[in-house]
Amino acid sequence: MFLSNEDVVALTGRKRPSAQARFLHSLGMKFMRRLDGSIALRQEELDRHTLTKPREVKQRRSLDLSLLRRPVVA
């Protein structure tokens, strides 16, 4: 889902697509330009750069130390 043009103007505080593009690029956001020159910004991209949705944290598996605990047989 894409943000509407009004939402992009509210986010950037700029009306011209070229100024919006410079602003979004300075924030490191990925966006596309439509054929008419307007900015297409995905909602997921905005969520990735804001605190509205927490990032998914990958959990690491714990190490299996059972082999180290065995008695050594000589």
PDB file of N, CA and C in Angstrom:
ATOM      1  N   MET A   1       0.833  -1.168   0.000  1.00  0.00           N
ATOM      2  CA  MET A   1       0.000   0.000   0.000  1.00  0.00           C
ATOM      3  C   MET A   1       0.884   1.239   0.000  1.00  0.00           C
ATOM      4  N   PHE A   2       0.513   2.223  -0.777  1.00  0.00           N
ATOM      5  CA  PHE A   2       1.289   3.448  -0.919  1.00  0.00           C
ATOM      6  C   PHE A   2       0.641   4.595  -0.151  1.00  0.00           C
ATOM      7  N   LEU A   3       1.460   5.531   0.291  1.00  0.00           N
ATOM      8  CA  LEU A   3       0.943   6.741   0.921  1.00  0.00           C
ATOM      9  C   LEU A   3       0.329   7.628  -0.137  1.00  0.00           C
ATOM     10  N   SER A   4      -0.685   8.378   0.224  1.00  0.00           N
ATOM     11  CA  SER A   4      -1.296   9.315  -0.719  1.00  0.00           C
ATOM     12  C   SER A   4      -0.378  10.525  -0.882  1.00  0.00           C
ATOM     13  N   ASN A   5      -0.643  11.301  -1.919  1.00  0.00           N
ATOM     14  CA  ASN A   5       0.169  12.499  -2.161  1.00  0.00           C
ATOM     15  C   ASN A   5       0.076  13.467  -0.987  1.00  0.00           C
ATOM     16  N   GLU A   6      -1.106  13.560  -0.376  1.00  0.00           N
ATOM     17  CA  GLU A   6      -1.285  14.444   0.778  1.00  0.00           C
ATOM     18  C   GLU A   6      -0.451  13.979   1.968  1.00  0.00           C
ATOM     19  N   ASP A   7      -0.357  12.663   2.141  1.00  0.00           N
ATOM     20  CA  ASP A   7       0.448  12.122   3.234  1.00  0.00           C
ATOM     21  C   ASP A   7       1.937  12.382   3.011  1.00  0.00           C
ATOM     22  N   VAL A   8       2.380  12.300   1.771  1.00  0.00           N
ATOM     23  CA  VAL A   8       3.799  12.568   1.462  1.00  0.00           C
ATOM     24  C   VAL A   8       4.109  14.036   1.719  1.00  0.00           C
ATOM     25  N   VAL A   9       3.166  14.925   1.361  1.00  0.00           N
ATOM     26  CA  VAL A   9       3.355  16.356   1.620  1.00  0.00           C
ATOM     27  C   VAL A   9       3.407  16.606   3.125  1.00  0.00           C
ATOM     28  N   ALA A  10       2.527  15.949   3.883  1.00  0.00           N
ATOM     29  CA  ALA A  10       2.521  16.126   5.332  1.00  0.00           C
ATOM     30  C   ALA A  10       3.803  15.571   5.961  1.00  0.00           C
ATOM     31  N   LEU A  11       4.302  14.469   5.447  1.00  0.00           N
ATOM     32  CA  LEU A  11       5.523  13.860   5.980  1.00  0.00           C
ATOM     33  C   LEU A  11       6.747  14.716   5.700  1.00  0.00           C
ATOM     34  N   THR A  12       6.869  15.180   4.479  1.00  0.00           N
ATOM     35  CA  THR A  12       8.073  15.911   4.082  1.00  0.00           C
ATOM     36  C   THR A  12       7.988  17.406   4.359  1.00  0.00           C
ATOM     37  N   GLY A  13       6.771  17.936   4.360  1.00  0.00           N
ATOM     38  CA  GLY A  13       6.620  19.376   4.514  1.00  0.00           C
ATOM     39  C   GLY A  13       6.942  20.123   3.226  1.00  0.00           C
ATOM     40  N   ARG A  14       6.993  19.409   2.121  1.00  0.00           N
ATOM     41  CA  ARG A  14       7.322  20.002   0.820  1.00  0.00           C
ATOM     42  C   ARG A  14       6.267  19.618  -0.201  1.00  0.00           C
ATOM     43  N   LYS A  15       6.025  20.518  -1.157  1.00  0.00           N
ATOM     44  CA  LYS A  15       4.973  20.277  -2.147  1.00  0.00           C
ATOM     45  C   LYS A  15       5.515  19.723  -3.463  1.00  0.00           C
ATOM     46  N   ARG A  16       6.699  20.170  -3.862  1.00  0.00           N
ATOM     47  CA  ARG A  16       7.250  19.722  -5.145  1.00  0.00           C
ATOM     48  C   ARG A  16       7.861  18.339  -5.004  1.00  0.00           C
ATOM     49  N   PRO A  17       7.614  17.468  -5.989  1.00  0.00           N
ATOM     50  CA  PRO A  17       8.165  16.107  -5.925  1.00  0.00           C
ATOM     51  C   PRO A  17       9.690  16.066  -5.869  1.00  0.00           C
ATOM     52  N   SER A  18      10.356  17.004  -6.507  1.00  0.00           N
ATOM     53  CA  SER A  18      11.826  17.003  -6.463  1.00  0.00           C
ATOM     54  C   SER A  18      12.325  17.298  -5.052  1.00  0.00           C
ATOM     55  N   ALA A  19      11.663  18.212  -4.355  1.00  0.00           N
ATOM     56  CA  ALA A  19      12.038  18.530  -2.978  1.00  0.00           C
ATOM     57  C   ALA A  19      11.679  17.367  -2.050  1.00  0.00           C
ATOM     58  N   GLN A  20      10.557  16.719  -2.306  1.00  0.00           N
ATOM     59  CA  GLN A  20      10.167  15.553  -1.522  1.00  0.00           C
ATOM     60  C   GLN A  20      11.195  14.434  -1.683  1.00  0.00           C
ATOM     61  N   ALA A  21      11.660  14.236  -2.922  1.00  0.00           N
ATOM     62  CA  ALA A  21      12.638  13.194  -3.201  1.00  0.00           C
ATOM     63  C   ALA A  21      13.951  13.468  -2.463  1.00  0.00           C
ATOM     64  N   ARG A  22      14.407  14.710  -2.458  1.00  0.00           N
ATOM     65  CA  ARG A  22      15.632  15.065  -1.736  1.00  0.00           C
ATOM     66  C   ARG A  22      15.477  14.809  -0.241  1.00  0.00           C
ATOM     67  N   PHE A  23      14.322  15.172   0.300  1.00  0.00           N
ATOM     68  CA  PHE A  23      14.076  14.980   1.726  1.00  0.00           C
ATOM     69  C   PHE A  23      14.060  13.492   2.077  1.00  0.00           C
ATOM     70  N   LEU A  24      13.334  12.695   1.314  1.00  0.00           N
ATOM     71  CA  LEU A  24      13.246  11.261   1.588  1.00  0.00           C
ATOM     72  C   LEU A  24      14.596  10.576   1.408  1.00  0.00           C
ATOM     73  N   HIS A  25      15.349  11.015   0.398  1.00  0.00           N
ATOM     74  CA  HIS A  25      16.687  10.452   0.170  1.00  0.00           C
ATOM     75  C   HIS A  25      17.617  10.775   1.337  1.00  0.00           C
ATOM     76  N   SER A  26      17.493  11.971   1.897  1.00  0.00           N
ATOM     77  CA  SER A  26      18.352  12.338   3.036  1.00  0.00           C
ATOM     78  C   SER A  26      18.037  11.500   4.273  1.00  0.00           C
ATOM     79  N   LEU A  27      16.796  11.006   4.378  1.00  0.00           N
ATOM     80  CA  LEU A  27      16.422  10.135   5.489  1.00  0.00           C
ATOM     81  C   LEU A  27      16.773   8.678   5.221  1.00  0.00           C
ATOM     82  N   GLY A  28      17.194   8.369   4.005  1.00  0.00           N
ATOM     83  CA  GLY A  28      17.548   7.000   3.663  1.00  0.00           C
ATOM     84  C   GLY A  28      16.359   6.139   3.289  1.00  0.00           C
ATOM     85  N   MET A  29      15.241   6.754   2.952  1.00  0.00           N
ATOM     86  CA  MET A  29      14.038   6.001   2.575  1.00  0.00           C
ATOM     87  C   MET A  29      14.079   5.654   1.095  1.00  0.00           C
ATOM     88  N   LYS A  30      13.578   4.464   0.783  1.00  0.00           N
ATOM     89  CA  LYS A  30      13.494   4.030  -0.603  1.00  0.00           C
ATOM     90  C   LYS A  30      12.114   4.411  -1.137  1.00  0.00           C
ATOM     91  N   PHE A  31      12.082   5.011  -2.301  1.00  0.00           N
ATOM     92  CA  PHE A  31      10.831   5.442  -2.911  1.00  0.00           C
ATOM     93  C   PHE A  31      10.938   5.298  -4.413  1.00  0.00           C
ATOM     94  N   MET A  32       9.807   5.435  -5.075  1.00  0.00           N
ATOM     95  CA  MET A  32       9.777   5.377  -6.538  1.00  0.00           C
ATOM     96  C   MET A  32       9.142   6.650  -7.067  1.00  0.00           C
ATOM     97  N   ARG A  33       9.474   6.953  -8.298  1.00  0.00           N
ATOM     98  CA  ARG A  33       8.822   8.081  -8.972  1.00  0.00           C
ATOM     99  C   ARG A  33       7.807   7.536  -9.960  1.00  0.00           C
ATOM    100  N   ARG A  34       6.615   8.102  -9.916  1.00  0.00           N
ATOM    101  CA  ARG A  34       5.582   7.724 -10.879  1.00  0.00           C
ATOM    102  C   ARG A  34       5.865   8.430 -12.204  1.00  0.00           C
ATOM    103  N   LEU A  35       5.139   8.028 -13.250  1.00  0.00           N
ATOM    104  CA  LEU A  35       5.345   8.627 -14.568  1.00  0.00           C
ATOM    105  C   LEU A  35       5.048  10.123 -14.581  1.00  0.00           C
ATOM    106  N   ASP A  36       4.135  10.569 -13.712  1.00  0.00           N
ATOM    107  CA  ASP A  36       3.827  11.998 -13.658  1.00  0.00           C
ATOM    108  C   ASP A  36       4.815  12.775 -12.785  1.00  0.00           C
ATOM    109  N   GLY A  37       5.805  12.092 -12.212  1.00  0.00           N
ATOM    110  CA  GLY A  37       6.828  12.745 -11.407  1.00  0.00           C
ATOM    111  C   GLY A  37       6.558  12.722  -9.920  1.00  0.00           C
ATOM    112  N   SER A  38       5.367  12.316  -9.508  1.00  0.00           N
ATOM    113  CA  SER A  38       5.050  12.289  -8.089  1.00  0.00           C
ATOM    114  C   SER A  38       5.781  11.132  -7.400  1.00  0.00           C
ATOM    115  N   ILE A  39       5.837  11.203  -6.102  1.00  0.00           N
ATOM    116  CA  ILE A  39       6.578  10.233  -5.294  1.00  0.00           C
ATOM    117  C   ILE A  39       5.648   9.119  -4.839  1.00  0.00           C
ATOM    118  N   ALA A  40       6.110   7.883  -4.986  1.00  0.00           N
ATOM    119  CA  ALA A  40       5.378   6.718  -4.498  1.00  0.00           C
ATOM    120  C   ALA A  40       6.189   6.132  -3.346  1.00  0.00           C
ATOM    121  N   LEU A  41       5.646   6.252  -2.134  1.00  0.00           N
ATOM    122  CA  LEU A  41       6.317   5.778  -0.930  1.00  0.00           C
ATOM    123  C   LEU A  41       5.447   4.707  -0.296  1.00  0.00           C
ATOM    124  N   ARG A  42       6.019   3.535  -0.095  1.00  0.00           N
ATOM    125  CA  ARG A  42       5.268   2.428   0.510  1.00  0.00           C
ATOM    126  C   ARG A  42       5.099   2.653   2.008  1.00  0.00           C
ATOM    127  N   GLN A  43       3.951   2.216   2.521  1.00  0.00           N
ATOM    128  CA  GLN A  43       3.681   2.308   3.949  1.00  0.00           C
ATOM    129  C   GLN A  43       4.700   1.493   4.741  1.00  0.00           C
ATOM    130  N   GLU A  44       5.108   0.341   4.200  1.00  0.00           N
ATOM    131  CA  GLU A  44       6.088  -0.501   4.882  1.00  0.00           C
ATOM    132  C   GLU A  44       7.428   0.211   5.030  1.00  0.00           C
ATOM    133  N   GLU A  45       7.803   0.987   4.033  1.00  0.00           N
ATOM    134  CA  GLU A  45       9.061   1.728   4.098  1.00  0.00           C
ATOM    135  C   GLU A  45       8.990   2.812   5.165  1.00  0.00           C
ATOM    136  N   LEU A  46       7.855   3.472   5.266  1.00  0.00           N
ATOM    137  CA  LEU A  46       7.682   4.478   6.306  1.00  0.00           C
ATOM    138  C   LEU A  46       7.719   3.820   7.678  1.00  0.00           C
ATOM    139  N   ASP A  47       7.064   2.678   7.825  1.00  0.00           N
ATOM    140  CA  ASP A  47       7.057   1.964   9.103  1.00  0.00           C
ATOM    141  C   ASP A  47       8.445   1.493   9.489  1.00  0.00           C
ATOM    142  N   ARG A  48       9.252   1.153   8.506  1.00  0.00           N
ATOM    143  CA  ARG A  48      10.617   0.692   8.776  1.00  0.00           C
ATOM    144  C   ARG A  48      11.467   1.807   9.392  1.00  0.00           C
ATOM    145  N   HIS A  49      11.156   3.059   9.072  1.00  0.00           N
ATOM    146  CA  HIS A  49      11.955   4.193   9.543  1.00  0.00           C
ATOM    147  C   HIS A  49      11.305   4.932  10.700  1.00  0.00           C
ATOM    148  N   THR A  50      10.156   4.491  11.147  1.00  0.00           N
ATOM    149  CA  THR A  50       9.501   5.136  12.281  1.00  0.00           C
ATOM    150  C   THR A  50       9.280   4.110  13.377  1.00  0.00           C
ATOM    151  N   LEU A  51       8.734   4.549  14.463  1.00  0.00           N
ATOM    152  CA  LEU A  51       8.521   3.665  15.599  1.00  0.00           C
ATOM    153  C   LEU A  51       7.110   3.106  15.642  1.00  0.00           C
ATOM    154  N   THR A  52       6.358   3.199  14.547  1.00  0.00           N
ATOM    155  CA  THR A  52       4.982   2.735  14.574  1.00  0.00           C
ATOM    156  C   THR A  52       4.890   1.223  14.662  1.00  0.00           C
ATOM    157  N   LYS A  53       5.816   0.511  14.073  1.00  0.00           N
ATOM    158  CA  LYS A  53       5.835  -0.945  14.147  1.00  0.00           C
ATOM    159  C   LYS A  53       7.208  -1.389  14.626  1.00  0.00           C
ATOM    160  N   PRO A  54       7.258  -2.238  15.635  1.00  0.00           N
ATOM    161  CA  PRO A  54       8.566  -2.720  16.082  1.00  0.00           C
ATOM    162  C   PRO A  54       9.165  -3.674  15.064  1.00  0.00           C
ATOM    163  N   ARG A  55      10.477  -3.647  14.986  1.00  0.00           N
ATOM    164  CA  ARG A  55      11.163  -4.561  14.077  1.00  0.00           C
ATOM    165  C   ARG A  55      11.104  -5.975  14.616  1.00  0.00           C
ATOM    166  N   GLU A  56      11.080  -6.911  13.705  1.00  0.00           N
ATOM    167  CA  GLU A  56      11.085  -8.305  14.109  1.00  0.00           C
ATOM    168  C   GLU A  56      12.499  -8.692  14.535  1.00  0.00           C
ATOM    169  N   VAL A  57      12.609  -9.218  15.716  1.00  0.00           N
ATOM    170  CA  VAL A  57      13.914  -9.607  16.253  1.00  0.00           C
ATOM    171  C   VAL A  57      14.076 -11.104  16.055  1.00  0.00           C
ATOM    172  N   LYS A  58      15.156 -11.471  15.392  1.00  0.00           N
ATOM    173  CA  LYS A  58      15.435 -12.880  15.188  1.00  0.00           C
ATOM    174  C   LYS A  58      16.072 -13.437  16.453  1.00  0.00           C
ATOM    175  N   GLN A  59      15.550 -14.538  16.896  1.00  0.00           N
ATOM    176  CA  GLN A  59      16.102 -15.160  18.087  1.00  0.00           C
ATOM    177  C   GLN A  59      17.173 -16.165  17.677  1.00  0.00           C
ATOM    178  N   ARG A  60      18.272 -16.125  18.382  1.00  0.00           N
ATOM    179  CA  ARG A  60      19.358 -17.064  18.115  1.00  0.00           C
ATOM    180  C   ARG A  60      19.117 -18.336  18.905  1.00  0.00           C
ATOM    181  N   ARG A  61      19.490 -19.424  18.300  1.00  0.00           N
ATOM    182  CA  ARG A  61      19.393 -20.694  19.019  1.00  0.00           C
ATOM    183  C   ARG A  61      20.538 -20.780  20.015  1.00  0.00           C
ATOM    184  N   SER A  62      20.274 -21.390  21.145  1.00  0.00           N
ATOM    185  CA  SER A  62      21.336 -21.552  22.137  1.00  0.00           C
ATOM    186  C   SER A  62      22.255 -22.694  21.687  1.00  0.00           C
ATOM    187  N   LEU A  63      23.498 -22.597  22.093  1.00  0.00           N
ATOM    188  CA  LEU A  63      24.479 -23.608  21.721  1.00  0.00           C
ATOM    189  C   LEU A  63      24.242 -24.892  22.501  1.00  0.00           C
ATOM    190  N   ASP A  64      24.490 -26.025  21.857  1.00  0.00           N
ATOM    191  CA  ASP A  64      24.374 -27.324  22.502  1.00  0.00           C
ATOM    192  C   ASP A  64      25.731 -27.664  23.119  1.00  0.00           C
ATOM    193  N   LEU A  65      25.836 -27.521  24.421  1.00  0.00           N
ATOM    194  CA  LEU A  65      27.099 -27.762  25.122  1.00  0.00           C
ATOM    195  C   LEU A  65      27.155 -29.142  25.757  1.00  0.00           C
ATOM    196  N   SER A  66      26.225 -30.001  25.398  1.00  0.00           N
ATOM    197  CA  SER A  66      26.176 -31.328  26.021  1.00  0.00           C
ATOM    198  C   SER A  66      27.422 -32.153  25.711  1.00  0.00           C
ATOM    199  N   LEU A  67      28.038 -31.963  24.572  1.00  0.00           N
ATOM    200  CA  LEU A  67      29.243 -32.721  24.235  1.00  0.00           C
ATOM    201  C   LEU A  67      30.426 -32.318  25.100  1.00  0.00           C
ATOM    202  N   LEU A  68      30.445 -31.090  25.576  1.00  0.00           N
ATOM    203  CA  LEU A  68      31.555 -30.625  26.409  1.00  0.00           C
ATOM    204  C   LEU A  68      31.438 -31.117  27.839  1.00  0.00           C
ATOM    205  N   ARG A  69      30.265 -31.520  28.246  1.00  0.00           N
ATOM    206  CA  ARG A  69      30.045 -31.936  29.622  1.00  0.00           C
ATOM    207  C   ARG A  69      30.288 -33.430  29.850  1.00  0.00           C
ATOM    208  N   ARG A  70      30.490 -34.193  28.800  1.00  0.00           N
ATOM    209  CA  ARG A  70      30.733 -35.630  28.930  1.00  0.00           C
ATOM    210  C   ARG A  70      32.121 -35.890  29.497  1.00  0.00           C
ATOM    211  N   PRO A  71      32.266 -36.931  30.317  1.00  0.00           N
ATOM    212  CA  PRO A  71      33.597 -37.260  30.825  1.00  0.00           C
ATOM    213  C   PRO A  71      34.476 -37.806  29.681  1.00  0.00           C
ATOM    214  N   VAL A  72      35.728 -37.502  29.775  1.00  0.00           N
ATOM    215  CA  VAL A  72      36.685 -37.933  28.755  1.00  0.00           C
ATOM    216  C   VAL A  72      37.134 -39.343  29.092  1.00  0.00           C
ATOM    217  N   VAL A  73      37.036 -40.245  28.126  1.00  0.00           N
ATOM    218  CA  VAL A  73      37.452 -41.637  28.320  1.00  0.00           C
ATOM    219  C   VAL A  73      38.794 -41.825  27.611  1.00  0.00           C
ATOM    220  N   ALA A  74      39.815 -42.283  28.351  1.00  0.00           N
ATOM    221  CA  ALA A  74      41.134 -42.436  27.761  1.00  0.00           C
ATOM    222  C   ALA A  74      41.438 -43.854  27.391  1.00  0.00           C
TER     223      ALA A  74
END
